C-alpha atoms as a PDB file:
ATOM      1  CA  MET A   1      14.205   3.248  -9.956  1.00  0.00           C
ATOM      2  CA  PRO A   2      13.782   0.853  -7.151  1.00  0.00           C
ATOM      3  CA  VAL A   3      10.667  -1.605  -7.637  1.00  0.00           C
ATOM      4  CA  THR A   4       8.218  -1.474  -4.925  1.00  0.00           C
ATOM      5  CA  LEU A   5       6.890  -4.299  -3.078  1.00  0.00           C
ATOM      6  CA  ASP A   6       3.022  -2.899  -4.084  1.00  0.00           C
ATOM      7  CA  LEU A   7       4.478  -3.231  -7.611  1.00  0.00           C
ATOM      8  CA  ILE A   8       5.750  -6.722  -7.530  1.00  0.00           C
ATOM      9  CA  ARG A   9       2.498  -8.038  -6.105  1.00  0.00           C
ATOM     10  CA  LYS A  10       0.801  -6.884  -9.082  1.00  0.00           C
ATOM     11  CA  LYS A  11       3.182  -8.120 -11.251  1.00  0.00           C
ATOM     12  CA  ARG A  12       3.295 -11.265  -9.316  1.00  0.00           C
ATOM     13  CA  SER A  13      -0.687 -11.908  -9.638  1.00  0.00           C
ATOM     14  CA  ARG A  14      -0.290 -11.419 -13.482  1.00  0.00           C
ATOM     15  CA  ILE A  15       3.042 -13.429 -13.913  1.00  0.00           C
ATOM     16  CA  LEU A  16       1.114 -16.131 -11.854  1.00  0.00           C
ATOM     17  CA  ALA A  17      -1.818 -16.200 -14.395  1.00  0.00           C
ATOM     18  CA  ILE A  18       0.374 -16.199 -17.349  1.00  0.00           C
ATOM     19  CA  ALA A  19       2.611 -19.046 -15.790  1.00  0.00           C
ATOM     20  CA  GLY A  20      -0.300 -20.707 -15.235  1.00  0.00           C
ATOM     21  CA  ARG A  21      -1.008 -20.995 -18.584  1.00  0.00           C
ATOM     22  CA  HIS A  22       2.427 -21.813 -19.890  1.00  0.00           C
ATOM     23  CA  GLY A  23       3.387 -24.346 -16.604  1.00  0.00           C
ATOM     24  CA  ALA A  24       4.834 -22.810 -13.728  1.00  0.00           C
ATOM     25  CA  THR A  25       8.752 -23.863 -14.193  1.00  0.00           C
ATOM     26  CA  ASN A  26       9.752 -20.432 -14.138  1.00  0.00           C
ATOM     27  CA  LEU A  27       7.576 -19.601 -11.160  1.00  0.00           C
ATOM     28  CA  ARG A  28      10.685 -19.875  -8.735  1.00  0.00           C
ATOM     29  CA  ILE A  29      12.427 -17.324  -9.979  1.00  0.00           C
ATOM     30  CA  PHE A  30       9.820 -14.772  -8.890  1.00  0.00           C
ATOM     31  CA  GLY A  31       9.712 -16.165  -5.181  1.00  0.00           C
ATOM     32  CA  SER A  32       6.959 -16.644  -3.361  1.00  0.00           C
END
């Protein structure tokens, strides 16, 4: 099923927190 923008935003905040720990090298994959 399609991914809603709201879901992306929720995942993004979690991804950003994880990326902050591992470095932001993969961050551009998720856009801004």
